[in-house]
Amino acid sequence: MKAVQIVSPNNLQIIDVEKPSIDEKNNVMIKMTAAGICGSDVGIYHGTNAAATYPRIIGHEMVGRVDEVGSNVKNLKVGDRVIVNQVTSCGHCYPCKIGRGNVCDNLKVRGVHIDGGYREYIAVPESDCYLLPDSLSDQDAVMIEPTTIAIQSCTRAQLEKDDMLLIFGAGALGSTILKVARQLCDHIIVADIMDEKLEAAKKNGATYTINVLKEDLVKKVKEYTFGHGTTVSIDSACTKDSLINLLQATGNAGRVMTMGFSTAPTEINQFVITSKELDVRGSRLQNKMFGKAIEMINAGTLDLSNSISHTFPLTKAQEAFDFVDSRDPSIRKIVFTFDNL
């Protein structure tokens, strides 16, 4: 079968690999139908993702149809449309015991530490499969995984109705966080460097927007939060100076969420954390949030339809990644298709 492997940084190859087989643990065979390109996939391709190991079949936004089931499968049948959880955990370490398997001591993420979904078939445990809503196409369903990342960040932030939230960055991650956050609180500020993205954020529920190239972030946040500063700030831009900016923009007793994966030094300031008694929290991957995302879709509170801007067949993966690198403004989400392989 065909697969996309990053052999080493900036070395992408279409390879032929043996089709996997199911066993007692990986008891469901999935025939892939759609797989998204995420920023972390681009990082693995370019060698800037600190978590990745090589060579690696990448891809962690994985949608497909059940092609075969083992004798111990209880709730799935051949033909079911599913999305696959990318997180695998051991179940017995300290994080797992306290219900935080997404940061398991022995964490293995499909497409990062172990081979992922840029291949025709993948064998996984039944427990890692989630049935897709009939209302959602396979391609749009790819967006469920990024939505789980957004739900995780809002959950870690303990976002509540009366919070004043700042989302720093209005790209793919920030716009998805906005979709989730607007259901949890009413007072939302979105900051970015592009007016078009800020206009879209305003249409999608942001109360205020700030162009940080034209306006002073901290000054405008204070203006929009009655002089206090935000109660929650989420960093979805993850640039070199975004964390210190959010520490300064967040008010006393606030929570600051960081989601970046860069290993480059980042400026921080102990005084601004201690003097305000800020909680600075990481948010990584997602902790069994697929069910919540699907519940929101079924309830009509989350619309992921028409999310995909471009599709490429899996065999044109190099062309797709080159297109991502072009930074074409029309790009929203790119998905690989698996027809005619």
C-alpha atoms as a PDB file:
ATOM      1  CA  MET A   1       0.000   0.000   0.000  1.00  0.00           C
ATOM      2  CA  LYS A   2       1.044   3.635  -0.507  1.00  0.00           C
ATOM      3  CA  ALA A   3       2.193   5.841   2.359  1.00  0.00           C
ATOM      4  CA  VAL A   4       3.822   9.242   2.870  1.00  0.00           C
ATOM      5  CA  GLN A   5       6.994   9.052   4.926  1.00  0.00           C
ATOM      6  CA  ILE A   6       9.236  11.846   6.147  1.00  0.00           C
ATOM      7  CA  VAL A   7      12.566  10.051   5.914  1.00  0.00           C
ATOM      8  CA  SER A   8      14.439  12.986   7.437  1.00  0.00           C
ATOM      9  CA  PRO A   9      13.750  16.734   7.629  1.00  0.00           C
ATOM     10  CA  ASN A  10      12.745  18.113   4.206  1.00  0.00           C
ATOM     11  CA  ASN A  11      12.894  14.628   2.686  1.00  0.00           C
ATOM     12  CA  LEU A  12       9.370  13.439   1.836  1.00  0.00           C
ATOM     13  CA  GLN A  13       8.860  10.194  -0.041  1.00  0.00           C
ATOM     14  CA  ILE A  14       5.888   8.204  -1.311  1.00  0.00           C
ATOM     15  CA  ILE A  15       6.706   4.645  -0.306  1.00  0.00           C
ATOM     16  CA  ASP A  16       5.185   1.182  -0.605  1.00  0.00           C
ATOM     17  CA  VAL A  17       4.655  -0.553   2.721  1.00  0.00           C
ATOM     18  CA  GLU A  18       2.991  -3.774   3.764  1.00  0.00           C
ATOM     19  CA  LYS A  19      -0.664  -3.516   4.715  1.00  0.00           C
ATOM     20  CA  PRO A  20      -1.070  -3.990   8.483  1.00  0.00           C
ATOM     21  CA  SER A  21      -3.115  -6.782   9.994  1.00  0.00           C
ATOM     22  CA  ILE A  22      -5.475  -6.696  12.945  1.00  0.00           C
ATOM     23  CA  ASP A  23      -4.742  -8.480  16.202  1.00  0.00           C
ATOM     24  CA  GLU A  24      -6.268  -8.693  19.676  1.00  0.00           C
ATOM     25  CA  LYS A  25      -5.187  -5.142  20.583  1.00  0.00           C
ATOM     26  CA  ASN A  26      -5.335  -3.333  17.229  1.00  0.00           C
ATOM     27  CA  ASN A  27      -8.612  -5.018  16.394  1.00  0.00           C
ATOM     28  CA  VAL A  28     -10.094  -2.612  13.824  1.00  0.00           C
ATOM     29  CA  MET A  29      -8.770  -2.086  10.301  1.00  0.00           C
ATOM     30  CA  ILE A  30      -9.471   1.379   8.915  1.00  0.00           C
ATOM     31  CA  LYS A  31      -9.383   2.165   5.219  1.00  0.00           C
ATOM     32  CA  MET A  32      -8.378   5.831   5.154  1.00  0.00           C
ATOM     33  CA  THR A  33     -10.604   8.265   3.277  1.00  0.00           C
ATOM     34  CA  ALA A  34      -9.319  11.672   4.442  1.00  0.00           C
ATOM     35  CA  ALA A  35      -6.335  13.010   6.381  1.00  0.00           C
ATOM     36  CA  GLY A  36      -5.579  16.632   7.177  1.00  0.00           C
ATOM     37  CA  ILE A  37      -2.345  18.596   7.048  1.00  0.00           C
ATOM     38  CA  CYS A  38      -1.706  20.249  10.423  1.00  0.00           C
ATOM     39  CA  GLY A  39       0.941  22.774  11.370  1.00  0.00           C
ATOM     40  CA  SER A  40       2.688  20.085  13.392  1.00  0.00           C
ATOM     41  CA  ASP A  41       2.887  17.885  10.271  1.00  0.00           C
ATOM     42  CA  VAL A  42       4.603  20.772   8.499  1.00  0.00           C
ATOM     43  CA  GLY A  43       6.949  21.055  11.491  1.00  0.00           C
ATOM     44  CA  ILE A  44       7.861  17.380  11.222  1.00  0.00           C
ATOM     45  CA  TYR A  45       8.489  17.800   7.495  1.00  0.00           C
ATOM     46  CA  HIS A  46      10.814  20.741   8.098  1.00  0.00           C
ATOM     47  CA  GLY A  47      12.485  19.269  11.185  1.00  0.00           C
ATOM     48  CA  THR A  48      11.190  21.883  13.643  1.00  0.00           C
ATOM     49  CA  ASN A  49       8.895  19.620  15.683  1.00  0.00           C
ATOM     50  CA  ALA A  50      10.897  18.662  18.769  1.00  0.00           C
ATOM     51  CA  ALA A  51       8.715  15.634  19.534  1.00  0.00           C
ATOM     52  CA  ALA A  52       9.038  13.838  16.206  1.00  0.00           C
ATOM     53  CA  THR A  53      11.243  10.850  15.390  1.00  0.00           C
ATOM     54  CA  TYR A  54      12.372   9.780  11.924  1.00  0.00           C
ATOM     55  CA  PRO A  55      11.693   8.109   9.574  1.00  0.00           C
ATOM     56  CA  ARG A  56       7.967   8.585  10.166  1.00  0.00           C
ATOM     57  CA  ILE A  57       4.702   8.057   8.316  1.00  0.00           C
ATOM     58  CA  ILE A  58       3.010  11.228   9.464  1.00  0.00           C
ATOM     59  CA  GLY A  59      -0.637  12.283   9.715  1.00  0.00           C
ATOM     60  CA  HIS A  60      -2.722  12.475  12.896  1.00  0.00           C
ATOM     61  CA  GLU A  61      -6.013  13.891  11.584  1.00  0.00           C
ATOM     62  CA  MET A  62      -7.380  10.535  10.423  1.00  0.00           C
ATOM     63  CA  VAL A  63     -10.801   9.719   8.984  1.00  0.00           C
ATOM     64  CA  GLY A  64     -11.813   6.457   7.344  1.00  0.00           C
ATOM     65  CA  ARG A  65     -14.192   3.536   7.100  1.00  0.00           C
ATOM     66  CA  VAL A  66     -14.045   0.292   9.030  1.00  0.00           C
ATOM     67  CA  ASP A  67     -12.760  -2.370   6.636  1.00  0.00           C
ATOM     68  CA  GLU A  68     -12.321  -5.324   9.002  1.00  0.00           C
ATOM     69  CA  VAL A  69     -13.027  -6.067  12.682  1.00  0.00           C
ATOM     70  CA  GLY A  70     -11.643  -8.613  15.119  1.00  0.00           C
ATOM     71  CA  SER A  71     -13.708 -11.123  17.043  1.00  0.00           C
ATOM     72  CA  ASN A  72     -13.479  -9.010  20.232  1.00  0.00           C
ATOM     73  CA  VAL A  73     -14.935  -5.840  18.652  1.00  0.00           C
ATOM     74  CA  LYS A  74     -18.277  -4.932  20.237  1.00  0.00           C
ATOM     75  CA  ASN A  75     -19.525  -1.619  18.903  1.00  0.00           C
ATOM     76  CA  LEU A  76     -18.201  -1.197  15.358  1.00  0.00           C
ATOM     77  CA  LYS A  77     -19.023  -2.925  12.093  1.00  0.00           C
ATOM     78  CA  VAL A  78     -17.611  -2.949   8.593  1.00  0.00           C
ATOM     79  CA  GLY A  79     -18.598   0.214   6.742  1.00  0.00           C
ATOM     80  CA  ASP A  80     -18.803   2.494   9.799  1.00  0.00           C
ATOM     81  CA  ARG A  81     -17.301   5.947   9.271  1.00  0.00           C
ATOM     82  CA  VAL A  82     -14.876   6.871  12.055  1.00  0.00           C
ATOM     83  CA  ILE A  83     -12.244   9.329  13.193  1.00  0.00           C
ATOM     84  CA  VAL A  84      -9.209   7.913  14.998  1.00  0.00           C
ATOM     85  CA  ASN A  85      -7.757   9.219  18.257  1.00  0.00           C
ATOM     86  CA  GLN A  86      -4.109  10.117  17.692  1.00  0.00           C
ATOM     87  CA  VAL A  87      -3.093   9.742  21.361  1.00  0.00           C
ATOM     88  CA  THR A  88      -1.925   6.413  22.783  1.00  0.00           C
ATOM     89  CA  SER A  89      -1.075   6.075  26.488  1.00  0.00           C
ATOM     90  CA  CYS A  90       0.070   3.340  28.867  1.00  0.00           C
ATOM     91  CA  GLY A  91      -2.721   3.602  31.450  1.00  0.00           C
ATOM     92  CA  HIS A  92      -0.565   3.005  34.552  1.00  0.00           C
ATOM     93  CA  CYS A  93       1.832   5.977  34.971  1.00  0.00           C
ATOM     94  CA  TYR A  94       1.082   8.956  37.240  1.00  0.00           C
ATOM     95  CA  PRO A  95      -0.551  11.176  34.549  1.00  0.00           C
ATOM     96  CA  CYS A  96      -2.687   8.258  33.353  1.00  0.00           C
ATOM     97  CA  LYS A  97      -3.770   7.422  36.908  1.00  0.00           C
ATOM     98  CA  ILE A  98      -5.022  10.989  37.434  1.00  0.00           C
ATOM     99  CA  GLY A  99      -6.891  10.977  34.124  1.00  0.00           C
ATOM    100  CA  ARG A 100      -4.392  12.896  31.997  1.00  0.00           C
ATOM    101  CA  GLY A 101      -3.271  10.295  29.481  1.00  0.00           C
ATOM    102  CA  ASN A 102      -2.552  12.997  26.897  1.00  0.00           C
ATOM    103  CA  VAL A 103       0.678  13.655  28.814  1.00  0.00           C
ATOM    104  CA  CYS A 104       1.382  10.008  29.646  1.00  0.00           C
ATOM    105  CA  ASP A 105       4.971   9.295  30.672  1.00  0.00           C
ATOM    106  CA  ASN A 106       5.046   6.782  27.810  1.00  0.00           C
ATOM    107  CA  LEU A 107       3.034   8.873  25.343  1.00  0.00           C
ATOM    108  CA  LYS A 108       3.052   7.811  21.718  1.00  0.00           C
ATOM    109  CA  VAL A 109       1.241  10.016  19.207  1.00  0.00           C
ATOM    110  CA  ARG A 110       0.268   8.538  15.869  1.00  0.00           C
ATOM    111  CA  GLY A 111       2.071  10.404  13.130  1.00  0.00           C
ATOM    112  CA  VAL A 112       4.701  11.762  15.529  1.00  0.00           C
ATOM    113  CA  HIS A 113       6.267   8.974  17.623  1.00  0.00           C
ATOM    114  CA  ILE A 114       4.621   6.056  15.804  1.00  0.00           C
ATOM    115  CA  ASP A 115       3.346   5.806  12.248  1.00  0.00           C
ATOM    116  CA  GLY A 116       0.178   7.726  11.500  1.00  0.00           C
ATOM    117  CA  GLY A 117      -2.545   8.110   8.924  1.00  0.00           C
ATOM    118  CA  TYR A 118      -0.896   9.134   5.659  1.00  0.00           C
ATOM    119  CA  ARG A 119      -1.312   5.582   4.370  1.00  0.00           C
ATOM    120  CA  GLU A 120      -4.091   3.539   2.842  1.00  0.00           C
ATOM    121  CA  TYR A 121      -4.851   1.370   5.886  1.00  0.00           C
ATOM    122  CA  ILE A 122      -4.212   1.591   9.627  1.00  0.00           C
ATOM    123  CA  ALA A 123      -5.002  -0.947  12.381  1.00  0.00           C
ATOM    124  CA  VAL A 124      -6.066   0.552  15.727  1.00  0.00           C
ATOM    125  CA  PRO A 125      -7.940  -0.441  18.901  1.00  0.00           C
ATOM    126  CA  GLU A 126     -11.720  -0.128  18.828  1.00  0.00           C
ATOM    127  CA  SER A 127     -11.497   2.246  21.807  1.00  0.00           C
ATOM    128  CA  ASP A 128      -9.625   4.780  19.640  1.00  0.00           C
ATOM    129  CA  CYS A 129     -12.409   4.983  17.036  1.00  0.00           C
ATOM    130  CA  TYR A 130     -15.304   7.457  17.171  1.00  0.00           C
ATOM    131  CA  LEU A 131     -18.355   7.209  14.935  1.00  0.00           C
ATOM    132  CA  LEU A 132     -18.860  10.232  12.693  1.00  0.00           C
ATOM    133  CA  PRO A 133     -22.109  12.190  12.475  1.00  0.00           C
ATOM    134  CA  ASP A 134     -24.006  11.499   9.253  1.00  0.00           C
ATOM    135  CA  SER A 135     -24.263  15.255   8.687  1.00  0.00           C
ATOM    136  CA  LEU A 136     -20.507  15.635   8.160  1.00  0.00           C
ATOM    137  CA  SER A 137     -18.513  14.613   5.082  1.00  0.00           C
ATOM    138  CA  ASP A 138     -15.313  12.612   5.537  1.00  0.00           C
ATOM    139  CA  GLN A 139     -13.238  15.611   4.470  1.00  0.00           C
ATOM    140  CA  ASP A 140     -14.915  18.085   6.834  1.00  0.00           C
ATOM    141  CA  ALA A 141     -14.732  15.476   9.614  1.00  0.00           C
ATOM    142  CA  VAL A 142     -10.953  15.915   9.600  1.00  0.00           C
ATOM    143  CA  MET A 143     -11.640  19.185  11.479  1.00  0.00           C
ATOM    144  CA  ILE A 144     -12.922  17.271  14.510  1.00  0.00           C
ATOM    145  CA  GLU A 145      -9.342  16.607  15.637  1.00  0.00           C
ATOM    146  CA  PRO A 146      -8.289  20.302  15.656  1.00  0.00           C
ATOM    147  CA  THR A 147     -11.538  21.027  17.482  1.00  0.00           C
ATOM    148  CA  THR A 148     -10.534  18.600  20.239  1.00  0.00           C
ATOM    149  CA  ILE A 149      -7.311  20.605  20.674  1.00  0.00           C
ATOM    150  CA  ALA A 150      -9.402  23.747  21.120  1.00  0.00           C
ATOM    151  CA  ILE A 151     -11.731  22.035  23.603  1.00  0.00           C
ATOM    152  CA  GLN A 152      -8.699  20.840  25.557  1.00  0.00           C
ATOM    153  CA  SER A 153      -7.270  24.367  25.832  1.00  0.00           C
ATOM    154  CA  CYS A 154     -10.589  25.835  26.975  1.00  0.00           C
ATOM    155  CA  THR A 155     -10.993  22.991  29.482  1.00  0.00           C
ATOM    156  CA  ARG A 156      -7.475  23.470  30.856  1.00  0.00           C
ATOM    157  CA  ALA A 157      -8.226  27.206  31.126  1.00  0.00           C
ATOM    158  CA  GLN A 158     -11.402  26.440  33.111  1.00  0.00           C
ATOM    159  CA  LEU A 159     -13.187  28.921  30.892  1.00  0.00           C
ATOM    160  CA  GLU A 160     -16.448  30.164  32.412  1.00  0.00           C
ATOM    161  CA  LYS A 161     -19.323  32.423  31.402  1.00  0.00           C
ATOM    162  CA  ASP A 162     -18.074  35.578  33.113  1.00  0.00           C
ATOM    163  CA  ASP A 163     -14.466  35.308  31.912  1.00  0.00           C
ATOM    164  CA  MET A 164     -12.877  37.960  29.713  1.00  0.00           C
ATOM    165  CA  LEU A 165     -10.868  35.971  27.178  1.00  0.00           C
ATOM    166  CA  LEU A 166      -8.020  36.943  24.878  1.00  0.00           C
ATOM    167  CA  ILE A 167      -7.200  34.633  21.960  1.00  0.00           C
ATOM    168  CA  PHE A 168      -3.813  35.625  20.568  1.00  0.00           C
ATOM    169  CA  GLY A 169      -3.643  34.450  16.959  1.00  0.00           C
ATOM    170  CA  ALA A 170      -6.546  34.091  14.518  1.00  0.00           C
ATOM    171  CA  GLY A 171      -5.188  31.335  12.288  1.00  0.00           C
ATOM    172  CA  ALA A 172      -6.502  27.793  12.055  1.00  0.00           C
ATOM    173  CA  LEU A 173      -5.985  27.062  15.759  1.00  0.00           C
ATOM    174  CA  GLY A 174      -7.196  30.420  17.031  1.00  0.00           C
ATOM    175  CA  SER A 175     -10.333  30.403  14.885  1.00  0.00           C
ATOM    176  CA  THR A 176     -11.180  26.901  16.127  1.00  0.00           C
ATOM    177  CA  ILE A 177     -10.659  27.968  19.745  1.00  0.00           C
ATOM    178  CA  LEU A 178     -13.040  30.866  19.052  1.00  0.00           C
ATOM    179  CA  LYS A 179     -15.723  28.438  17.826  1.00  0.00           C
ATOM    180  CA  VAL A 180     -15.519  26.575  21.133  1.00  0.00           C
ATOM    181  CA  ALA A 181     -14.956  29.546  23.443  1.00  0.00           C
ATOM    182  CA  ARG A 182     -17.938  31.544  22.193  1.00  0.00           C
ATOM    183  CA  GLN A 183     -20.181  28.811  23.607  1.00  0.00           C
ATOM    184  CA  LEU A 184     -18.584  29.173  27.032  1.00  0.00           C
ATOM    185  CA  CYS A 185     -18.157  32.919  27.519  1.00  0.00           C
ATOM    186  CA  ASP A 186     -19.416  36.141  25.950  1.00  0.00           C
ATOM    187  CA  HIS A 187     -16.488  38.555  26.311  1.00  0.00           C
ATOM    188  CA  ILE A 188     -13.840  37.535  23.762  1.00  0.00           C
ATOM    189  CA  ILE A 189     -10.949  39.552  22.335  1.00  0.00           C
ATOM    190  CA  VAL A 190      -9.025  38.236  19.331  1.00  0.00           C
ATOM    191  CA  ALA A 191      -5.607  39.649  18.402  1.00  0.00           C
ATOM    192  CA  ASP A 192      -3.680  39.040  15.185  1.00  0.00           C
ATOM    193  CA  ILE A 193      -1.570  40.826  12.559  1.00  0.00           C
ATOM    194  CA  MET A 194      -3.956  40.400   9.618  1.00  0.00           C
ATOM    195  CA  ASP A 195      -7.097  42.494   9.245  1.00  0.00           C
ATOM    196  CA  GLU A 196      -8.841  39.841   7.123  1.00  0.00           C
ATOM    197  CA  LYS A 197      -8.501  37.248   9.887  1.00  0.00           C
ATOM    198  CA  LEU A 198      -9.692  39.752  12.477  1.00  0.00           C
ATOM    199  CA  GLU A 199     -12.737  40.597  10.363  1.00  0.00           C
ATOM    200  CA  ALA A 200     -13.565  36.898  10.173  1.00  0.00           C
ATOM    201  CA  ALA A 201     -13.130  36.595  13.946  1.00  0.00           C
ATOM    202  CA  LYS A 202     -15.578  39.454  14.488  1.00  0.00           C
ATOM    203  CA  LYS A 203     -18.131  37.709  12.278  1.00  0.00           C
ATOM    204  CA  ASN A 204     -17.588  34.473  14.184  1.00  0.00           C
ATOM    205  CA  GLY A 205     -18.241  35.835  17.650  1.00  0.00           C
ATOM    206  CA  ALA A 206     -15.321  37.967  18.832  1.00  0.00           C
ATOM    207  CA  THR A 207     -16.475  40.956  20.878  1.00  0.00           C
ATOM    208  CA  TYR A 208     -13.358  42.986  20.099  1.00  0.00           C
ATOM    209  CA  THR A 209     -10.361  42.610  17.801  1.00  0.00           C
ATOM    210  CA  ILE A 210      -6.837  44.032  17.970  1.00  0.00           C
ATOM    211  CA  ASN A 211      -4.295  44.321  15.154  1.00  0.00           C
ATOM    212  CA  VAL A 212      -1.047  44.125  17.116  1.00  0.00           C
ATOM    213  CA  LEU A 213       0.918  45.697  14.249  1.00  0.00           C
ATOM    214  CA  LYS A 214      -1.186  48.835  14.469  1.00  0.00           C
ATOM    215  CA  GLU A 215      -2.347  48.920  18.098  1.00  0.00           C
ATOM    216  CA  ASP A 216      -0.766  48.441  21.523  1.00  0.00           C
ATOM    217  CA  LEU A 217      -1.962  45.032  22.734  1.00  0.00           C
ATOM    218  CA  VAL A 218      -1.831  45.695  26.483  1.00  0.00           C
ATOM    219  CA  LYS A 219      -3.367  49.160  26.176  1.00  0.00           C
ATOM    220  CA  LYS A 220      -6.267  47.933  24.044  1.00  0.00           C
ATOM    221  CA  VAL A 221      -6.864  44.891  26.267  1.00  0.00           C
ATOM    222  CA  LYS A 222      -7.078  47.144  29.313  1.00  0.00           C
ATOM    223  CA  GLU A 223      -9.538  49.344  27.425  1.00  0.00           C
ATOM    224  CA  TYR A 224     -11.697  46.347  26.529  1.00  0.00           C
ATOM    225  CA  THR A 225     -11.605  44.806  30.022  1.00  0.00           C
ATOM    226  CA  PHE A 226     -12.541  47.792  32.177  1.00  0.00           C
ATOM    227  CA  GLY A 227      -8.906  48.363  33.150  1.00  0.00           C
ATOM    228  CA  HIS A 228      -8.359  44.919  34.680  1.00  0.00           C
ATOM    229  CA  GLY A 229      -6.806  42.876  31.880  1.00  0.00           C
ATOM    230  CA  THR A 230      -8.150  39.560  30.674  1.00  0.00           C
ATOM    231  CA  THR A 231      -9.047  36.791  33.092  1.00  0.00           C
ATOM    232  CA  VAL A 232      -7.949  34.130  30.579  1.00  0.00           C
ATOM    233  CA  SER A 233      -5.472  34.427  27.713  1.00  0.00           C
ATOM    234  CA  ILE A 234      -4.794  31.630  25.216  1.00  0.00           C
ATOM    235  CA  ASP A 235      -1.700  31.725  23.019  1.00  0.00           C
ATOM    236  CA  SER A 236      -2.580  30.249  19.631  1.00  0.00           C
ATOM    237  CA  ALA A 237       0.154  32.173  17.796  1.00  0.00           C
ATOM    238  CA  CYS A 238       3.057  30.727  19.803  1.00  0.00           C
ATOM    239  CA  THR A 239       5.647  33.222  18.556  1.00  0.00           C
ATOM    240  CA  LYS A 240       8.858  34.178  20.317  1.00  0.00           C
ATOM    241  CA  ASP A 241       7.295  37.095  22.206  1.00  0.00           C
ATOM    242  CA  SER A 242       3.648  36.037  22.443  1.00  0.00           C
ATOM    243  CA  LEU A 243       3.917  34.562  25.954  1.00  0.00           C
ATOM    244  CA  ILE A 244       5.380  37.678  27.563  1.00  0.00           C
ATOM    245  CA  ASN A 245       2.741  39.776  25.785  1.00  0.00           C
ATOM    246  CA  LEU A 246      -0.029  37.626  27.219  1.00  0.00           C
ATOM    247  CA  LEU A 247       1.497  37.706  30.712  1.00  0.00           C
ATOM    248  CA  GLN A 248       1.388  41.490  30.512  1.00  0.00           C
ATOM    249  CA  ALA A 249      -2.148  41.612  29.090  1.00  0.00           C
ATOM    250  CA  THR A 250      -3.653  39.254  31.668  1.00  0.00           C
ATOM    251  CA  GLY A 251      -5.066  40.724  34.860  1.00  0.00           C
ATOM    252  CA  ASN A 252      -4.476  39.715  38.468  1.00  0.00           C
ATOM    253  CA  ALA A 253      -5.405  36.097  39.312  1.00  0.00           C
ATOM    254  CA  GLY A 254      -5.761  35.257  35.620  1.00  0.00           C
ATOM    255  CA  ARG A 255      -4.874  32.137  33.650  1.00  0.00           C
ATOM    256  CA  VAL A 256      -2.470  32.079  30.708  1.00  0.00           C
ATOM    257  CA  MET A 257      -2.501  29.090  28.354  1.00  0.00           C
ATOM    258  CA  THR A 258       0.549  28.213  26.291  1.00  0.00           C
ATOM    259  CA  MET A 259       0.347  25.714  23.431  1.00  0.00           C
ATOM    260  CA  GLY A 260       3.627  26.235  21.584  1.00  0.00           C
ATOM    261  CA  PHE A 261       6.134  23.473  20.859  1.00  0.00           C
ATOM    262  CA  SER A 262       9.202  25.488  19.974  1.00  0.00           C
ATOM    263  CA  THR A 263      12.397  24.732  21.897  1.00  0.00           C
ATOM    264  CA  ALA A 264      13.833  28.189  21.156  1.00  0.00           C
ATOM    265  CA  PRO A 265      14.358  30.458  24.198  1.00  0.00           C
ATOM    266  CA  THR A 266      11.292  32.539  25.074  1.00  0.00           C
ATOM    267  CA  GLU A 267      11.321  35.751  27.061  1.00  0.00           C
ATOM    268  CA  ILE A 268       9.365  35.666  30.306  1.00  0.00           C
ATOM    269  CA  ASN A 269       9.269  37.829  33.392  1.00  0.00           C
ATOM    270  CA  GLN A 270       9.011  36.329  36.865  1.00  0.00           C
ATOM    271  CA  PHE A 271       7.711  39.551  38.396  1.00  0.00           C
ATOM    272  CA  VAL A 272       4.716  39.794  36.092  1.00  0.00           C
ATOM    273  CA  ILE A 273       3.736  36.219  36.998  1.00  0.00           C
ATOM    274  CA  THR A 274       4.336  36.457  40.729  1.00  0.00           C
ATOM    275  CA  SER A 275       2.970  39.955  41.286  1.00  0.00           C
ATOM    276  CA  LYS A 276      -0.327  39.052  39.612  1.00  0.00           C
ATOM    277  CA  GLU A 277      -0.307  35.462  40.919  1.00  0.00           C
ATOM    278  CA  LEU A 278      -0.975  34.199  37.414  1.00  0.00           C
ATOM    279  CA  ASP A 279      -1.559  30.558  36.551  1.00  0.00           C
ATOM    280  CA  VAL A 280       0.541  29.658  33.499  1.00  0.00           C
ATOM    281  CA  ARG A 281      -0.654  26.344  32.100  1.00  0.00           C
ATOM    282  CA  GLY A 282       0.306  24.174  29.175  1.00  0.00           C
ATOM    283  CA  SER A 283      -2.279  22.508  26.960  1.00  0.00           C
ATOM    284  CA  ARG A 284      -1.104  19.543  24.913  1.00  0.00           C
ATOM    285  CA  LEU A 285      -3.034  17.487  22.382  1.00  0.00           C
ATOM    286  CA  GLN A 286      -6.411  16.432  23.804  1.00  0.00           C
ATOM    287  CA  ASN A 287      -7.625  14.226  26.594  1.00  0.00           C
ATOM    288  CA  LYS A 288     -10.451  12.104  25.123  1.00  0.00           C
ATOM    289  CA  MET A 289     -12.258  15.142  23.731  1.00  0.00           C
ATOM    290  CA  PHE A 290     -13.546  13.528  20.520  1.00  0.00           C
ATOM    291  CA  GLY A 291     -16.817  12.601  22.182  1.00  0.00           C
ATOM    292  CA  LYS A 292     -17.398  16.197  23.296  1.00  0.00           C
ATOM    293  CA  ALA A 293     -16.701  17.554  19.812  1.00  0.00           C
ATOM    294  CA  ILE A 294     -19.089  15.071  18.219  1.00  0.00           C
ATOM    295  CA  GLU A 295     -21.755  15.879  20.831  1.00  0.00           C
ATOM    296  CA  MET A 296     -21.464  19.554  19.879  1.00  0.00           C
ATOM    297  CA  ILE A 297     -21.857  18.711  16.179  1.00  0.00           C
ATOM    298  CA  ASN A 298     -24.902  16.551  16.838  1.00  0.00           C
ATOM    299  CA  ALA A 299     -26.422  19.277  19.027  1.00  0.00           C
ATOM    300  CA  GLY A 300     -25.956  21.837  16.254  1.00  0.00           C
ATOM    301  CA  THR A 301     -23.677  24.079  18.321  1.00  0.00           C
ATOM    302  CA  LEU A 302     -20.572  23.348  16.250  1.00  0.00           C
ATOM    303  CA  ASP A 303     -20.583  23.626  12.453  1.00  0.00           C
ATOM    304  CA  LEU A 304     -17.546  22.169  10.685  1.00  0.00           C
ATOM    305  CA  SER A 305     -19.092  22.004   7.235  1.00  0.00           C
ATOM    306  CA  ASN A 306     -17.277  23.698   4.340  1.00  0.00           C
ATOM    307  CA  SER A 307     -14.077  23.893   6.387  1.00  0.00           C
ATOM    308  CA  ILE A 308     -11.730  22.546   3.708  1.00  0.00           C
ATOM    309  CA  SER A 309     -10.127  24.906   1.207  1.00  0.00           C
ATOM    310  CA  HIS A 310      -8.012  22.447  -0.808  1.00  0.00           C
ATOM    311  CA  THR A 311      -7.671  18.704  -1.397  1.00  0.00           C
ATOM    312  CA  PHE A 312      -4.797  16.689  -2.868  1.00  0.00           C
ATOM    313  CA  PRO A 313      -4.519  12.978  -3.582  1.00  0.00           C
ATOM    314  CA  LEU A 314      -2.096  11.295  -1.188  1.00  0.00           C
ATOM    315  CA  THR A 315       0.321  10.623  -4.042  1.00  0.00           C
ATOM    316  CA  LYS A 316       0.744  14.397  -4.524  1.00  0.00           C
ATOM    317  CA  ALA A 317       1.891  14.982  -0.951  1.00  0.00           C
ATOM    318  CA  GLN A 318       5.038  16.852  -1.999  1.00  0.00           C
ATOM    319  CA  GLU A 319       2.949  19.236  -4.076  1.00  0.00           C
ATOM    320  CA  ALA A 320       0.620  19.781  -1.122  1.00  0.00           C
ATOM    321  CA  PHE A 321       3.423  20.569   1.326  1.00  0.00           C
ATOM    322  CA  ASP A 322       5.039  22.911  -1.214  1.00  0.00           C
ATOM    323  CA  PHE A 323       1.687  24.672  -1.486  1.00  0.00           C
ATOM    324  CA  VAL A 324       1.536  25.045   2.308  1.00  0.00           C
ATOM    325  CA  ASP A 325       5.014  26.584   2.220  1.00  0.00           C
ATOM    326  CA  SER A 326       3.829  29.118  -0.378  1.00  0.00           C
ATOM    327  CA  ARG A 327       1.616  30.673   2.326  1.00  0.00           C
ATOM    328  CA  ASP A 328      -1.080  31.263  -0.255  1.00  0.00           C
ATOM    329  CA  PRO A 329      -3.764  33.367   1.458  1.00  0.00           C
ATOM    330  CA  SER A 330      -6.511  31.095   0.133  1.00  0.00           C
ATOM    331  CA  ILE A 331      -5.321  28.213   2.326  1.00  0.00           C
ATOM    332  CA  ARG A 332      -7.571  27.344   5.239  1.00  0.00           C
ATOM    333  CA  LYS A 333      -7.327  23.575   5.563  1.00  0.00           C
ATOM    334  CA  ILE A 334      -5.744  21.065   3.201  1.00  0.00           C
ATOM    335  CA  VAL A 335      -6.876  17.440   3.168  1.00  0.00           C
ATOM    336  CA  PHE A 336      -5.457  14.360   1.483  1.00  0.00           C
ATOM    337  CA  THR A 337      -7.863  12.044  -0.305  1.00  0.00           C
ATOM    338  CA  PHE A 338      -7.329   8.314  -0.889  1.00  0.00           C
ATOM    339  CA  ASP A 339      -9.398   7.622  -4.005  1.00  0.00           C
ATOM    340  CA  ASN A 340      -7.900   5.659  -6.888  1.00  0.00           C
ATOM    341  CA  LEU A 341      -4.776   4.530  -5.063  1.00  0.00           C
END
